[in-house]
Protein backbone atom coordinates (compact mmCIF):
# COMPACT_ATOMS: atom_id res chain seq x y z
CA UNK A 1 85.45 116.37 113.59
CA UNK A 2 85.89 112.63 113.20
CA UNK A 3 85.35 111.13 109.72
CA UNK A 4 85.30 107.39 109.00
CA UNK A 5 85.83 106.01 105.51
CA UNK A 6 84.60 102.44 104.99
CA UNK A 7 84.55 100.22 101.94
CA UNK A 8 84.04 96.56 101.16
CA UNK A 9 86.72 95.35 98.76
CA UNK A 10 88.32 91.93 98.48
CA UNK A 11 92.07 92.17 98.05
CA UNK A 12 94.80 89.64 97.43
CA UNK A 13 98.14 89.31 99.18
CA UNK A 14 100.26 92.40 98.69
CA UNK A 15 97.38 94.82 98.17
CA UNK A 16 96.32 97.63 100.50
CA UNK A 17 93.46 100.07 100.13
CA UNK A 18 94.18 103.79 100.36
CA UNK A 19 92.24 107.03 100.32
CA UNK A 20 93.47 110.15 98.52
CA UNK A 21 91.59 113.41 98.31
CA UNK A 22 91.25 117.14 98.00
CA UNK A 23 92.44 118.15 101.47
CA UNK A 24 95.94 118.08 103.03
CA UNK A 25 94.93 115.29 105.44
CA UNK A 26 94.24 113.08 102.37
CA UNK A 27 97.31 114.11 100.42
CA UNK A 28 95.92 116.89 98.15
CA UNK A 29 95.46 114.30 95.36
CA UNK A 30 99.09 113.14 95.66
CA UNK A 31 98.91 109.34 95.76
CA UNK A 32 102.25 109.06 97.56
CA UNK A 33 100.69 111.05 100.43
CA UNK A 34 97.47 109.01 100.52
CA UNK A 35 96.33 107.42 103.77
CA UNK A 36 96.41 103.64 104.02
CA UNK A 37 93.25 102.03 105.31
CA UNK A 38 93.28 99.23 107.87
CA UNK A 39 91.80 95.83 107.16
CA UNK A 40 88.90 95.10 109.52
CA UNK A 41 87.63 91.64 108.44
CA UNK A 42 85.79 89.86 105.63
CA UNK A 43 86.80 92.37 102.96
CA UNK A 44 85.97 95.43 105.08
CA UNK A 45 88.47 98.29 105.21
CA UNK A 46 88.33 101.45 107.34
CA UNK A 47 90.17 104.72 107.89
CA UNK A 48 89.40 107.09 110.75
CA UNK A 49 90.59 110.70 110.53
CA UNK A 50 90.27 113.71 112.79
CA UNK A 51 89.65 116.73 110.57
CA UNK A 52 89.49 120.43 111.45
CA UNK A 53 86.00 121.76 112.08
CA UNK A 54 86.33 124.26 109.21
CA UNK A 55 86.45 121.55 106.50
CA UNK A 56 83.22 121.95 104.55
CA UNK A 57 83.65 119.65 101.58
CA UNK A 58 85.90 116.69 100.74
CA UNK A 59 86.42 115.00 97.40
CA UNK A 60 88.14 111.62 97.63
CA UNK A 61 88.90 108.32 95.89
CA UNK A 62 89.81 104.85 97.04
CA UNK A 63 92.60 103.00 95.29
CA UNK A 64 94.56 99.79 95.60
CA UNK A 65 98.28 100.03 96.30
CA UNK A 66 100.30 97.03 95.20
CA UNK A 67 103.29 95.94 97.25
CA UNK A 68 105.87 93.52 95.93
CA UNK A 69 108.92 92.33 97.80
CA UNK A 70 112.26 93.64 96.61
CA UNK A 71 114.03 90.96 94.62
CA UNK A 72 117.18 92.91 93.81
CA UNK A 73 119.79 94.76 95.83
CA UNK A 74 119.16 97.70 93.50
CA UNK A 75 115.43 97.83 94.26
CA UNK A 76 114.51 101.40 95.22
CA UNK A 77 110.99 101.06 96.60
CA UNK A 78 108.22 98.80 97.82
CA UNK A 79 105.30 99.85 95.67
CA UNK A 80 104.70 98.70 92.12
CA UNK A 81 101.78 100.82 90.99
CA UNK A 82 98.31 102.12 91.57
CA UNK A 83 94.84 101.12 90.41
CA UNK A 84 92.05 103.66 90.74
CA UNK A 85 88.65 102.28 91.62
């Protein structure tokens, strides 16, 4: 079954919208396993997923993932934090 998540949210440079949720396809509430949405236009974001037919209920949240460029040779990652909406 195809599920489409859509949200209108204005971001700034370095931000991406993600979806995390209660099923394995959405990371089982683990934000590092969340799915990144794609920017459509004019503040619209979307994520299309193919889910098994036996999924009856999904709980989910959108959040903003902040990316900052690495400014040090010792930098160990690209993300700086999470903001739940």
